Amino acid sequence: MAISILIIALVAYAMGLLDSCSLLSRFVFGEEAAGADYFTLYRRHKWQGVGYAVLADMLRALVTVLVGGMLLKRFGFPSVGKLLALLFALLGQAMPLLPPERHMASRQELVYPALTLLLVDWKLFPVCVALAVIILALTGSRPLMAAAAAVALPVFTLVFGGWWLKVVLALGCGAALIYCYWEELRGLSLRKGGKKRPAGNGGTDGEDGGRS
């Protein structure tokens, strides 16, 4: 089983490292790949570019989930293998081997993780997506949207009857997703904690929340 887990980790991590939008920009459309994302492809190539990117991300998701499910199926844990693959794919996206600036678009891209989650567990997918969309509509914040999905993943894994190992893997997936948006989430927290208080003695303004 250890060899199977190692193969799952390597393949899924490699899938998470890939940046579909940048690869398409460079090798299909012959354009500058730096900073390419779904919005860039839509502006330049409309729905054709978006469609290619979705297909590429779906292919990555299929490889990720099939490898995870098949390698642990013979041990009786296909669903655990799929969640394990999702975890390592998110780690590849959150902690790339190459410099972070070369993976910034991929690091915060949600289409590939969402498609992978759909293939991992179709019951979890609509719940996490629905909650994320609600948070986005209420706050307009993409980092908060990602954080909502990250929290919902382990919670509803438990609600839907997942045993402890699946819940632990789901917690890891949620933590990796939050890490992708950690700086933005931290910035939101600091902005909320940095509201000015009314002028006190001496007419100076204080900072709400103090300094770190």
N, C-alpha and C. Protein backbone atom coordinates (compact mmCIF):
# COMPACT_ATOMS: atom_id res chain seq x y z
N MET A 1 0.82 -1.21 0.00
CA MET A 1 0.00 0.00 0.00
C MET A 1 0.86 1.26 0.00
N ALA A 2 2.00 1.20 0.65
CA ALA A 2 2.87 2.38 0.73
C ALA A 2 3.31 2.85 -0.66
N ILE A 3 3.63 1.90 -1.54
CA ILE A 3 4.03 2.26 -2.90
C ILE A 3 2.87 2.92 -3.64
N SER A 4 1.67 2.39 -3.46
CA SER A 4 0.49 2.97 -4.11
C SER A 4 0.25 4.39 -3.63
N ILE A 5 0.38 4.61 -2.33
CA ILE A 5 0.19 5.96 -1.78
C ILE A 5 1.24 6.92 -2.32
N LEU A 6 2.47 6.44 -2.45
CA LEU A 6 3.54 7.28 -2.99
C LEU A 6 3.25 7.67 -4.44
N ILE A 7 2.77 6.71 -5.24
CA ILE A 7 2.44 7.01 -6.64
C ILE A 7 1.31 8.02 -6.71
N ILE A 8 0.27 7.82 -5.87
CA ILE A 8 -0.84 8.77 -5.84
C ILE A 8 -0.33 10.17 -5.50
N ALA A 9 0.54 10.25 -4.49
CA ALA A 9 1.06 11.55 -4.06
C ALA A 9 1.83 12.24 -5.19
N LEU A 10 2.68 11.50 -5.88
CA LEU A 10 3.50 12.08 -6.94
C LEU A 10 2.67 12.53 -8.13
N VAL A 11 1.75 11.66 -8.58
CA VAL A 11 0.92 11.99 -9.74
C VAL A 11 -0.01 13.16 -9.43
N ALA A 12 -0.68 13.09 -8.28
CA ALA A 12 -1.63 14.16 -7.92
C ALA A 12 -0.91 15.48 -7.71
N TYR A 13 0.25 15.45 -7.06
CA TYR A 13 1.02 16.67 -6.86
C TYR A 13 1.43 17.28 -8.20
N ALA A 14 1.84 16.43 -9.13
CA ALA A 14 2.22 16.91 -10.46
C ALA A 14 1.02 17.55 -11.18
N MET A 15 -0.16 16.94 -11.04
CA MET A 15 -1.35 17.53 -11.65
C MET A 15 -1.68 18.88 -11.04
N GLY A 16 -1.47 19.00 -9.73
CA GLY A 16 -1.72 20.28 -9.07
C GLY A 16 -0.73 21.36 -9.46
N LEU A 17 0.48 20.96 -9.83
CA LEU A 17 1.49 21.93 -10.26
C LEU A 17 1.16 22.57 -11.60
N LEU A 18 0.46 21.85 -12.45
CA LEU A 18 0.18 22.35 -13.79
C LEU A 18 -0.75 23.56 -13.74
N ASP A 19 -0.57 24.44 -14.70
CA ASP A 19 -1.42 25.62 -14.85
C ASP A 19 -2.03 25.57 -16.24
N SER A 20 -3.26 25.10 -16.32
CA SER A 20 -3.90 24.87 -17.62
C SER A 20 -3.97 26.13 -18.46
N CYS A 21 -4.34 27.25 -17.84
CA CYS A 21 -4.52 28.50 -18.61
C CYS A 21 -3.19 28.98 -19.20
N SER A 22 -2.13 28.92 -18.41
CA SER A 22 -0.82 29.35 -18.91
C SER A 22 -0.31 28.42 -20.01
N LEU A 23 -0.53 27.11 -19.82
CA LEU A 23 -0.09 26.15 -20.84
C LEU A 23 -0.84 26.36 -22.15
N LEU A 24 -2.14 26.60 -22.07
CA LEU A 24 -2.92 26.85 -23.28
C LEU A 24 -2.48 28.15 -23.95
N SER A 25 -2.25 29.19 -23.14
CA SER A 25 -1.83 30.46 -23.71
C SER A 25 -0.53 30.32 -24.49
N ARG A 26 0.39 29.55 -23.95
CA ARG A 26 1.71 29.42 -24.57
C ARG A 26 1.72 28.46 -25.74
N PHE A 27 1.13 27.27 -25.58
CA PHE A 27 1.32 26.21 -26.58
C PHE A 27 0.16 26.07 -27.57
N VAL A 28 -1.01 26.58 -27.22
CA VAL A 28 -2.14 26.51 -28.15
C VAL A 28 -2.35 27.84 -28.86
N PHE A 29 -2.32 28.93 -28.10
CA PHE A 29 -2.60 30.24 -28.68
C PHE A 29 -1.34 31.04 -29.00
N GLY A 30 -0.15 30.54 -28.57
CA GLY A 30 1.10 31.20 -28.89
C GLY A 30 1.23 32.58 -28.29
N GLU A 31 0.77 32.76 -27.06
CA GLU A 31 0.78 34.07 -26.41
C GLU A 31 1.63 34.03 -25.15
N GLU A 32 1.80 35.19 -24.55
CA GLU A 32 2.51 35.29 -23.27
C GLU A 32 1.73 34.54 -22.21
N ALA A 33 2.42 33.62 -21.51
CA ALA A 33 1.72 32.76 -20.56
C ALA A 33 1.65 33.35 -19.16
N ALA A 34 2.53 34.29 -18.83
CA ALA A 34 2.59 34.81 -17.45
C ALA A 34 1.27 35.45 -17.05
N GLY A 35 0.73 35.02 -15.93
CA GLY A 35 -0.49 35.62 -15.40
C GLY A 35 -1.76 35.21 -16.11
N ALA A 36 -1.70 34.24 -17.00
CA ALA A 36 -2.89 33.82 -17.72
C ALA A 36 -3.87 33.13 -16.78
N ASP A 37 -5.15 33.44 -16.92
CA ASP A 37 -6.19 32.79 -16.14
C ASP A 37 -7.45 32.70 -16.99
N TYR A 38 -8.55 32.27 -16.38
CA TYR A 38 -9.79 32.12 -17.13
C TYR A 38 -10.29 33.45 -17.69
N PHE A 39 -10.13 34.52 -16.92
CA PHE A 39 -10.59 35.83 -17.38
C PHE A 39 -9.76 36.31 -18.57
N THR A 40 -8.46 36.03 -18.52
CA THR A 40 -7.59 36.39 -19.63
C THR A 40 -7.99 35.64 -20.90
N LEU A 41 -8.23 34.34 -20.76
CA LEU A 41 -8.63 33.55 -21.93
C LEU A 41 -9.96 34.01 -22.48
N TYR A 42 -10.88 34.40 -21.59
CA TYR A 42 -12.18 34.87 -22.08
C TYR A 42 -12.04 36.20 -22.83
N ARG A 43 -11.22 37.11 -22.29
CA ARG A 43 -11.05 38.40 -22.96
C ARG A 43 -10.43 38.23 -24.34
N ARG A 44 -9.49 37.30 -24.45
CA ARG A 44 -8.77 37.16 -25.71
C ARG A 44 -9.45 36.22 -26.70
N HIS A 45 -10.10 35.17 -26.18
CA HIS A 45 -10.62 34.13 -27.07
C HIS A 45 -12.07 33.76 -26.79
N LYS A 46 -12.72 34.53 -25.95
CA LYS A 46 -14.13 34.30 -25.60
C LYS A 46 -14.33 32.87 -25.09
N TRP A 47 -15.48 32.28 -25.44
CA TRP A 47 -15.82 30.98 -24.85
C TRP A 47 -14.97 29.84 -25.39
N GLN A 48 -14.36 30.05 -26.54
CA GLN A 48 -13.47 29.00 -27.05
C GLN A 48 -12.30 28.79 -26.09
N GLY A 49 -11.67 29.89 -25.64
CA GLY A 49 -10.57 29.78 -24.71
C GLY A 49 -11.00 29.17 -23.38
N VAL A 50 -12.16 29.59 -22.88
CA VAL A 50 -12.68 29.05 -21.62
C VAL A 50 -12.97 27.56 -21.77
N GLY A 51 -13.56 27.19 -22.89
CA GLY A 51 -13.88 25.78 -23.12
C GLY A 51 -12.64 24.90 -23.14
N TYR A 52 -11.58 25.37 -23.81
CA TYR A 52 -10.33 24.62 -23.83
C TYR A 52 -9.78 24.46 -22.41
N ALA A 53 -9.85 25.54 -21.62
CA ALA A 53 -9.31 25.50 -20.27
C ALA A 53 -10.10 24.53 -19.38
N VAL A 54 -11.42 24.53 -19.53
CA VAL A 54 -12.25 23.61 -18.75
C VAL A 54 -11.93 22.16 -19.12
N LEU A 55 -11.79 21.90 -20.42
CA LEU A 55 -11.43 20.55 -20.86
C LEU A 55 -10.07 20.12 -20.31
N ALA A 56 -9.11 21.04 -20.32
CA ALA A 56 -7.78 20.73 -19.79
C ALA A 56 -7.85 20.44 -18.29
N ASP A 57 -8.61 21.25 -17.57
CA ASP A 57 -8.73 21.04 -16.12
C ASP A 57 -9.51 19.76 -15.82
N MET A 58 -10.50 19.44 -16.65
CA MET A 58 -11.23 18.19 -16.45
C MET A 58 -10.32 16.98 -16.70
N LEU A 59 -9.44 17.08 -17.68
CA LEU A 59 -8.50 16.00 -17.94
C LEU A 59 -7.56 15.83 -16.74
N ARG A 60 -7.06 16.93 -16.20
CA ARG A 60 -6.22 16.86 -15.00
C ARG A 60 -6.98 16.23 -13.84
N ALA A 61 -8.24 16.63 -13.67
CA ALA A 61 -9.05 16.09 -12.57
C ALA A 61 -9.27 14.59 -12.75
N LEU A 62 -9.54 14.16 -14.00
CA LEU A 62 -9.76 12.74 -14.27
C LEU A 62 -8.52 11.91 -13.93
N VAL A 63 -7.36 12.39 -14.37
CA VAL A 63 -6.12 11.67 -14.08
C VAL A 63 -5.91 11.60 -12.57
N THR A 64 -6.11 12.71 -11.89
CA THR A 64 -5.92 12.76 -10.44
C THR A 64 -6.79 11.75 -9.72
N VAL A 65 -8.09 11.77 -10.03
CA VAL A 65 -9.05 10.93 -9.30
C VAL A 65 -8.94 9.47 -9.70
N LEU A 66 -8.73 9.20 -10.98
CA LEU A 66 -8.61 7.81 -11.42
C LEU A 66 -7.40 7.13 -10.79
N VAL A 67 -6.28 7.83 -10.74
CA VAL A 67 -5.09 7.25 -10.13
C VAL A 67 -5.33 6.98 -8.65
N GLY A 68 -5.92 7.94 -7.96
CA GLY A 68 -6.19 7.76 -6.54
C GLY A 68 -7.16 6.63 -6.26
N GLY A 69 -8.25 6.59 -7.01
CA GLY A 69 -9.27 5.57 -6.78
C GLY A 69 -8.81 4.17 -7.17
N MET A 70 -8.14 4.06 -8.30
CA MET A 70 -7.75 2.73 -8.79
C MET A 70 -6.65 2.10 -7.95
N LEU A 71 -5.68 2.91 -7.52
CA LEU A 71 -4.55 2.33 -6.78
C LEU A 71 -4.92 1.86 -5.38
N LEU A 72 -5.92 2.48 -4.78
CA LEU A 72 -6.34 2.02 -3.45
C LEU A 72 -7.59 1.15 -3.49
N LYS A 73 -8.16 0.97 -4.68
CA LYS A 73 -9.35 0.13 -4.80
C LYS A 73 -9.04 -1.32 -4.45
N ARG A 74 -7.88 -1.78 -4.83
CA ARG A 74 -7.53 -3.19 -4.55
C ARG A 74 -7.33 -3.44 -3.07
N PHE A 75 -7.14 -2.37 -2.28
CA PHE A 75 -7.04 -2.51 -0.83
C PHE A 75 -8.37 -2.24 -0.14
N GLY A 76 -9.40 -1.94 -0.94
CA GLY A 76 -10.73 -1.70 -0.39
C GLY A 76 -11.00 -0.27 0.03
N PHE A 77 -10.18 0.70 -0.43
CA PHE A 77 -10.36 2.09 -0.01
C PHE A 77 -10.36 3.04 -1.21
N PRO A 78 -11.22 2.83 -2.21
CA PRO A 78 -11.19 3.72 -3.38
C PRO A 78 -11.55 5.17 -3.05
N SER A 79 -12.53 5.37 -2.16
CA SER A 79 -12.92 6.75 -1.82
C SER A 79 -11.83 7.46 -1.05
N VAL A 80 -11.11 6.72 -0.21
CA VAL A 80 -9.97 7.31 0.51
C VAL A 80 -8.87 7.68 -0.48
N GLY A 81 -8.63 6.83 -1.46
CA GLY A 81 -7.63 7.13 -2.48
C GLY A 81 -7.96 8.39 -3.26
N LYS A 82 -9.24 8.59 -3.56
CA LYS A 82 -9.65 9.80 -4.29
C LYS A 82 -9.43 11.05 -3.45
N LEU A 83 -9.81 10.99 -2.17
CA LEU A 83 -9.60 12.14 -1.29
C LEU A 83 -8.11 12.41 -1.08
N LEU A 84 -7.33 11.35 -0.99
CA LEU A 84 -5.88 11.50 -0.84
C LEU A 84 -5.30 12.19 -2.07
N ALA A 85 -5.79 11.81 -3.24
CA ALA A 85 -5.33 12.44 -4.48
C ALA A 85 -5.72 13.91 -4.51
N LEU A 86 -6.93 14.24 -4.07
CA LEU A 86 -7.35 15.64 -4.02
C LEU A 86 -6.44 16.43 -3.08
N LEU A 87 -6.10 15.85 -1.95
CA LEU A 87 -5.22 16.53 -1.00
C LEU A 87 -3.87 16.86 -1.62
N PHE A 88 -3.24 15.87 -2.27
CA PHE A 88 -1.92 16.13 -2.84
C PHE A 88 -1.99 17.04 -4.06
N ALA A 89 -3.10 17.00 -4.79
CA ALA A 89 -3.27 17.94 -5.89
C ALA A 89 -3.35 19.38 -5.37
N LEU A 90 -4.08 19.57 -4.27
CA LEU A 90 -4.17 20.90 -3.67
C LEU A 90 -2.83 21.34 -3.09
N LEU A 91 -2.07 20.39 -2.55
CA LEU A 91 -0.74 20.74 -2.05
C LEU A 91 0.17 21.17 -3.20
N GLY A 92 0.05 20.50 -4.35
CA GLY A 92 0.81 20.91 -5.51
C GLY A 92 0.45 22.30 -5.97
N GLN A 93 -0.83 22.64 -5.88
CA GLN A 93 -1.29 23.97 -6.27
C GLN A 93 -0.89 25.01 -5.23
N ALA A 94 -0.97 24.65 -3.95
CA ALA A 94 -0.69 25.61 -2.88
C ALA A 94 0.80 25.81 -2.66
N MET A 95 1.58 24.76 -2.83
CA MET A 95 3.02 24.81 -2.52
C MET A 95 3.83 24.30 -3.71
N PRO A 96 3.87 25.05 -4.79
CA PRO A 96 4.58 24.60 -5.99
C PRO A 96 6.09 24.58 -5.77
N LEU A 97 6.76 23.69 -6.50
CA LEU A 97 8.21 23.58 -6.40
C LEU A 97 8.90 24.78 -7.04
N LEU A 98 8.29 25.31 -8.10
CA LEU A 98 8.86 26.46 -8.78
C LEU A 98 8.52 27.73 -8.01
N PRO A 99 9.19 28.85 -8.31
CA PRO A 99 8.93 30.10 -7.59
C PRO A 99 7.44 30.46 -7.62
N PRO A 100 6.89 30.97 -6.50
CA PRO A 100 5.45 31.26 -6.41
C PRO A 100 4.93 32.18 -7.50
N GLU A 101 5.74 33.16 -7.93
CA GLU A 101 5.24 34.10 -8.93
C GLU A 101 4.94 33.43 -10.26
N ARG A 102 5.54 32.27 -10.51
CA ARG A 102 5.27 31.56 -11.75
C ARG A 102 4.01 30.71 -11.67
N HIS A 103 3.43 30.62 -10.46
CA HIS A 103 2.26 29.78 -10.28
C HIS A 103 1.10 30.53 -9.63
N MET A 104 1.18 31.88 -9.61
CA MET A 104 0.17 32.64 -8.87
C MET A 104 -1.24 32.39 -9.41
N ALA A 105 -1.40 32.37 -10.73
CA ALA A 105 -2.73 32.12 -11.28
C ALA A 105 -3.22 30.73 -10.92
N SER A 106 -2.34 29.72 -11.06
CA SER A 106 -2.72 28.36 -10.74
C SER A 106 -3.00 28.20 -9.24
N ARG A 107 -2.23 28.90 -8.42
CA ARG A 107 -2.37 28.75 -6.97
C ARG A 107 -3.75 29.16 -6.49
N GLN A 108 -4.34 30.15 -7.12
CA GLN A 108 -5.64 30.63 -6.69
C GLN A 108 -6.76 30.29 -7.68
N GLU A 109 -6.51 29.33 -8.54
CA GLU A 109 -7.53 28.89 -9.49
C GLU A 109 -8.42 27.85 -8.83
N LEU A 110 -9.74 28.04 -8.95
CA LEU A 110 -10.69 27.17 -8.25
C LEU A 110 -11.38 26.16 -9.16
N VAL A 111 -11.22 26.29 -10.48
CA VAL A 111 -11.94 25.41 -11.39
C VAL A 111 -11.41 23.97 -11.27
N TYR A 112 -10.10 23.81 -11.31
CA TYR A 112 -9.52 22.46 -11.20
C TYR A 112 -9.87 21.79 -9.87
N PRO A 113 -9.71 22.46 -8.72
CA PRO A 113 -10.13 21.81 -7.46
C PRO A 113 -11.61 21.47 -7.45
N ALA A 114 -12.45 22.35 -8.02
CA ALA A 114 -13.89 22.08 -8.03
C ALA A 114 -14.22 20.86 -8.89
N LEU A 115 -13.61 20.76 -10.06
CA LEU A 115 -13.85 19.61 -10.93
C LEU A 115 -13.33 18.32 -10.30
N THR A 116 -12.21 18.42 -9.61
CA THR A 116 -11.67 17.24 -8.93
C THR A 116 -12.60 16.80 -7.81
N LEU A 117 -13.12 17.77 -7.04
CA LEU A 117 -14.07 17.44 -5.97
C LEU A 117 -15.33 16.79 -6.54
N LEU A 118 -15.81 17.27 -7.70
CA LEU A 118 -16.97 16.68 -8.34
C LEU A 118 -16.75 15.20 -8.63
N LEU A 119 -15.55 14.86 -9.09
CA LEU A 119 -15.24 13.46 -9.39
C LEU A 119 -14.95 12.65 -8.14
N VAL A 120 -14.49 13.31 -7.08
CA VAL A 120 -14.22 12.61 -5.83
C VAL A 120 -15.50 12.23 -5.13
N ASP A 121 -16.43 13.18 -5.00
CA ASP A 121 -17.68 12.93 -4.28
C ASP A 121 -18.74 13.88 -4.80
N TRP A 122 -19.66 13.40 -5.60
CA TRP A 122 -20.67 14.25 -6.22
C TRP A 122 -21.63 14.85 -5.19
N LYS A 123 -21.73 14.25 -4.00
CA LYS A 123 -22.62 14.82 -2.97
C LYS A 123 -22.00 16.05 -2.32
N LEU A 124 -20.70 16.02 -2.13
CA LEU A 124 -20.02 17.16 -1.52
C LEU A 124 -19.95 18.36 -2.46
N PHE A 125 -19.82 18.09 -3.74
CA PHE A 125 -19.61 19.16 -4.71
C PHE A 125 -20.71 20.23 -4.67
N PRO A 126 -21.99 19.89 -4.81
CA PRO A 126 -23.00 20.95 -4.85
C PRO A 126 -23.11 21.72 -3.54
N VAL A 127 -22.89 21.04 -2.41
CA VAL A 127 -22.96 21.74 -1.12
C VAL A 127 -21.86 22.77 -1.01
N CYS A 128 -20.63 22.36 -1.29
CA CYS A 128 -19.49 23.29 -1.19
C CYS A 128 -19.62 24.44 -2.18
N VAL A 129 -20.04 24.13 -3.41
CA VAL A 129 -20.17 25.18 -4.43
C VAL A 129 -21.30 26.14 -4.06
N ALA A 130 -22.42 25.61 -3.59
CA ALA A 130 -23.55 26.47 -3.22
C ALA A 130 -23.17 27.42 -2.09
N LEU A 131 -22.52 26.89 -1.06
CA LEU A 131 -22.11 27.73 0.05
C LEU A 131 -21.10 28.78 -0.41
N ALA A 132 -20.16 28.38 -1.26
CA ALA A 132 -19.16 29.32 -1.76
C ALA A 132 -19.80 30.44 -2.57
N VAL A 133 -20.77 30.10 -3.41
CA VAL A 133 -21.45 31.11 -4.23
C VAL A 133 -22.25 32.07 -3.35
N ILE A 134 -22.89 31.55 -2.31
CA ILE A 134 -23.65 32.40 -1.39
C ILE A 134 -22.71 33.41 -0.71
N ILE A 135 -21.56 32.93 -0.23
CA ILE A 135 -20.60 33.82 0.43
C ILE A 135 -20.06 34.86 -0.55
N LEU A 136 -19.81 34.44 -1.79
CA LEU A 136 -19.33 35.39 -2.80
C LEU A 136 -20.39 36.45 -3.08
N ALA A 137 -21.66 36.04 -3.16
CA ALA A 137 -22.73 37.00 -3.42
C ALA A 137 -22.90 37.99 -2.27
N LEU A 138 -22.71 37.50 -1.05
CA LEU A 138 -22.90 38.35 0.12
C LEU A 138 -21.73 39.29 0.37
N THR A 139 -20.51 38.81 0.09
CA THR A 139 -19.32 39.58 0.45
C THR A 139 -18.56 40.13 -0.75
N GLY A 140 -18.71 39.50 -1.92
CA GLY A 140 -17.93 39.90 -3.08
C GLY A 140 -16.46 39.55 -2.96
N SER A 141 -16.13 38.68 -2.02
CA SER A 141 -14.73 38.33 -1.75
C SER A 141 -14.43 36.92 -2.20
N ARG A 142 -13.50 36.77 -3.13
CA ARG A 142 -13.11 35.44 -3.58
C ARG A 142 -12.36 34.66 -2.49
N PRO A 143 -11.46 35.30 -1.72
CA PRO A 143 -10.82 34.55 -0.63
C PRO A 143 -11.83 34.00 0.38
N LEU A 144 -12.84 34.78 0.74
CA LEU A 144 -13.85 34.29 1.67
C LEU A 144 -14.67 33.16 1.04
N MET A 145 -14.91 33.26 -0.26
CA MET A 145 -15.61 32.19 -0.96
C MET A 145 -14.82 30.89 -0.87
N ALA A 146 -13.50 30.96 -1.11
CA ALA A 146 -12.66 29.77 -1.02
C ALA A 146 -12.62 29.24 0.41
N ALA A 147 -12.57 30.14 1.39
CA ALA A 147 -12.54 29.72 2.79
C ALA A 147 -13.83 29.01 3.18
N ALA A 148 -14.97 29.50 2.66
CA ALA A 148 -16.26 28.85 2.95
C ALA A 148 -16.29 27.43 2.41
N ALA A 149 -15.79 27.25 1.18
CA ALA A 149 -15.74 25.90 0.61
C ALA A 149 -14.79 25.01 1.40
N ALA A 150 -13.68 25.60 1.86
CA ALA A 150 -12.69 24.83 2.62
C ALA A 150 -13.26 24.34 3.95
N VAL A 151 -14.08 25.16 4.58
CA VAL A 151 -14.71 24.77 5.85
C VAL A 151 -15.80 23.74 5.61
N ALA A 152 -16.56 23.95 4.54
CA ALA A 152 -17.68 23.05 4.26
C ALA A 152 -17.22 21.63 3.93
N LEU A 153 -16.05 21.51 3.33
CA LEU A 153 -15.57 20.19 2.88
C LEU A 153 -15.46 19.17 4.03
N PRO A 154 -14.72 19.45 5.10
CA PRO A 154 -14.67 18.46 6.18
C PRO A 154 -15.98 18.34 6.95
N VAL A 155 -16.68 19.46 7.11
CA VAL A 155 -17.94 19.43 7.87
C VAL A 155 -18.95 18.50 7.21
N PHE A 156 -19.13 18.65 5.90
CA PHE A 156 -20.13 17.83 5.23
C PHE A 156 -19.61 16.43 4.89
N THR A 157 -18.30 16.26 4.87
CA THR A 157 -17.78 14.89 4.80
C THR A 157 -18.24 14.11 6.03
N LEU A 158 -18.19 14.76 7.19
CA LEU A 158 -18.66 14.14 8.43
C LEU A 158 -20.18 13.97 8.42
N VAL A 159 -20.90 15.00 7.97
CA VAL A 159 -22.37 14.94 7.93
C VAL A 159 -22.85 13.80 7.04
N PHE A 160 -22.17 13.58 5.93
CA PHE A 160 -22.58 12.53 5.00
C PHE A 160 -22.05 11.15 5.39
N GLY A 161 -21.51 11.04 6.60
CA GLY A 161 -21.15 9.73 7.12
C GLY A 161 -19.73 9.28 6.85
N GLY A 162 -18.85 10.21 6.51
CA GLY A 162 -17.46 9.83 6.28
C GLY A 162 -16.79 9.39 7.57
N TRP A 163 -15.98 8.34 7.51
CA TRP A 163 -15.29 7.90 8.71
C TRP A 163 -14.08 8.78 8.96
N TRP A 164 -13.42 8.57 10.10
CA TRP A 164 -12.46 9.54 10.61
C TRP A 164 -11.34 9.85 9.63
N LEU A 165 -10.85 8.85 8.89
CA LEU A 165 -9.75 9.10 7.97
C LEU A 165 -10.17 10.03 6.84
N LYS A 166 -11.39 9.85 6.33
CA LYS A 166 -11.88 10.73 5.27
C LYS A 166 -12.06 12.15 5.79
N VAL A 167 -12.51 12.29 7.03
CA VAL A 167 -12.67 13.63 7.62
C VAL A 167 -11.31 14.30 7.78
N VAL A 168 -10.31 13.53 8.22
CA VAL A 168 -8.96 14.08 8.37
C VAL A 168 -8.40 14.52 7.01
N LEU A 169 -8.58 13.71 5.98
CA LEU A 169 -8.13 14.09 4.64
C LEU A 169 -8.88 15.32 4.13
N ALA A 170 -10.18 15.39 4.42
CA ALA A 170 -10.96 16.57 4.02
C ALA A 170 -10.47 17.82 4.75
N LEU A 171 -10.11 17.67 6.02
CA LEU A 171 -9.54 18.80 6.76
C LEU A 171 -8.24 19.26 6.11
N GLY A 172 -7.41 18.30 5.69
CA GLY A 172 -6.17 18.65 5.00
C GLY A 172 -6.43 19.39 3.69
N CYS A 173 -7.44 18.93 2.95
CA CYS A 173 -7.81 19.60 1.70
C CYS A 173 -8.25 21.03 1.96
N GLY A 174 -9.07 21.20 3.00
CA GLY A 174 -9.54 22.54 3.34
C GLY A 174 -8.39 23.45 3.75
N ALA A 175 -7.45 22.91 4.53
CA ALA A 175 -6.31 23.71 4.96
C ALA A 175 -5.45 24.13 3.77
N ALA A 176 -5.24 23.22 2.82
CA ALA A 176 -4.45 23.55 1.63
C ALA A 176 -5.13 24.63 0.80
N LEU A 177 -6.46 24.57 0.69
CA LEU A 177 -7.19 25.58 -0.07
C LEU A 177 -7.10 26.94 0.62
N ILE A 178 -7.23 26.96 1.93
CA ILE A 178 -7.10 28.22 2.67
C ILE A 178 -5.69 28.79 2.51
N TYR A 179 -4.69 27.91 2.50
CA TYR A 179 -3.30 28.37 2.34
C TYR A 179 -3.11 29.11 1.01
N CYS A 180 -3.82 28.67 -0.02
CA CYS A 180 -3.73 29.34 -1.32
C CYS A 180 -4.14 30.81 -1.22
N TYR A 181 -5.04 31.12 -0.31
CA TYR A 181 -5.58 32.47 -0.16
C TYR A 181 -5.16 33.10 1.17
N TRP A 182 -4.15 32.54 1.82
CA TRP A 182 -3.81 32.97 3.16
C TRP A 182 -3.47 34.45 3.25
N GLU A 183 -2.66 34.95 2.32
CA GLU A 183 -2.27 36.37 2.38
C GLU A 183 -3.47 37.28 2.22
N GLU A 184 -4.39 36.93 1.31
CA GLU A 184 -5.57 37.74 1.11
C GLU A 184 -6.49 37.69 2.33
N LEU A 185 -6.66 36.50 2.90
CA LEU A 185 -7.49 36.37 4.09
C LEU A 185 -6.87 37.12 5.27
N ARG A 186 -5.57 37.04 5.39
CA ARG A 186 -4.88 37.78 6.45
C ARG A 186 -5.04 39.28 6.24
N GLY A 187 -4.98 39.71 4.98
CA GLY A 187 -5.17 41.13 4.68
C GLY A 187 -6.57 41.60 5.06
N LEU A 188 -7.58 40.76 4.79
CA LEU A 188 -8.94 41.11 5.18
C LEU A 188 -9.05 41.26 6.68
N SER A 189 -8.43 40.35 7.41
CA SER A 189 -8.46 40.39 8.86
C SER A 189 -7.78 41.64 9.40
N LEU A 190 -6.63 42.00 8.81
CA LEU A 190 -5.91 43.18 9.27
C LEU A 190 -6.68 44.46 8.97
N ARG A 191 -7.36 44.49 7.81
CA ARG A 191 -8.14 45.68 7.48
C ARG A 191 -9.30 45.86 8.45
N LYS A 192 -9.94 44.75 8.82
CA LYS A 192 -11.03 44.84 9.78
C LYS A 192 -10.52 45.27 11.15
N GLY A 193 -9.32 44.82 11.50
CA GLY A 193 -8.75 45.15 12.80
C GLY A 193 -8.05 46.49 12.83
N GLY A 194 -7.99 47.17 11.68
CA GLY A 194 -7.26 48.43 11.62
C GLY A 194 -8.15 49.64 11.50
N LYS A 195 -9.44 49.49 11.83
CA LYS A 195 -10.35 50.63 11.78
C LYS A 195 -9.96 51.67 12.83
N LYS A 196 -10.03 52.91 12.45
CA LYS A 196 -9.63 53.97 13.37
C LYS A 196 -10.67 54.18 14.45
N ARG A 197 -10.17 54.38 15.67
CA ARG A 197 -11.05 54.75 16.76
C ARG A 197 -11.27 56.27 16.76
N PRO A 198 -12.32 56.72 17.42
CA PRO A 198 -12.48 58.18 17.57
C PRO A 198 -11.28 58.75 18.30
N ALA A 199 -10.96 60.02 17.99
CA ALA A 199 -9.80 60.66 18.60
C ALA A 199 -9.93 60.66 20.11
N GLY A 200 -8.86 60.26 20.78
CA GLY A 200 -8.88 60.22 22.24
C GLY A 200 -8.14 61.40 22.82
N ASN A 201 -7.53 61.21 23.99
CA ASN A 201 -6.79 62.29 24.64
C ASN A 201 -5.64 62.73 23.75
N GLY A 202 -5.51 64.04 23.61
CA GLY A 202 -4.42 64.56 22.79
C GLY A 202 -4.77 64.64 21.34
N GLY A 203 -6.02 64.23 20.96
CA GLY A 203 -6.48 64.36 19.58
C GLY A 203 -5.85 63.40 18.61
N THR A 204 -5.21 62.29 19.11
CA THR A 204 -4.58 61.31 18.21
C THR A 204 -5.51 60.14 17.99
N ASP A 205 -5.40 59.55 16.81
CA ASP A 205 -6.23 58.38 16.49
C ASP A 205 -5.47 57.12 16.85
N GLY A 206 -6.17 56.15 17.41
CA GLY A 206 -5.58 54.85 17.71
C GLY A 206 -5.93 53.85 16.64
N GLU A 207 -5.36 52.70 16.73
CA GLU A 207 -5.64 51.63 15.80
C GLU A 207 -6.41 50.55 16.53
N ASP A 208 -7.55 50.17 15.99
CA ASP A 208 -8.36 49.11 16.59
C ASP A 208 -7.73 47.77 16.30
N GLY A 209 -7.38 47.05 17.32
CA GLY A 209 -6.76 45.74 17.12
C GLY A 209 -5.28 45.72 17.42
N GLY A 210 -4.67 46.93 17.60
CA GLY A 210 -3.25 46.97 17.99
C GLY A 210 -2.33 46.61 16.86
N ARG A 211 -1.07 46.59 17.19
CA ARG A 211 -0.04 46.27 16.21
C ARG A 211 0.54 44.91 16.51
N SER A 212 0.92 44.20 15.47
CA SER A 212 1.53 42.89 15.66
C SER A 212 3.01 43.04 15.89
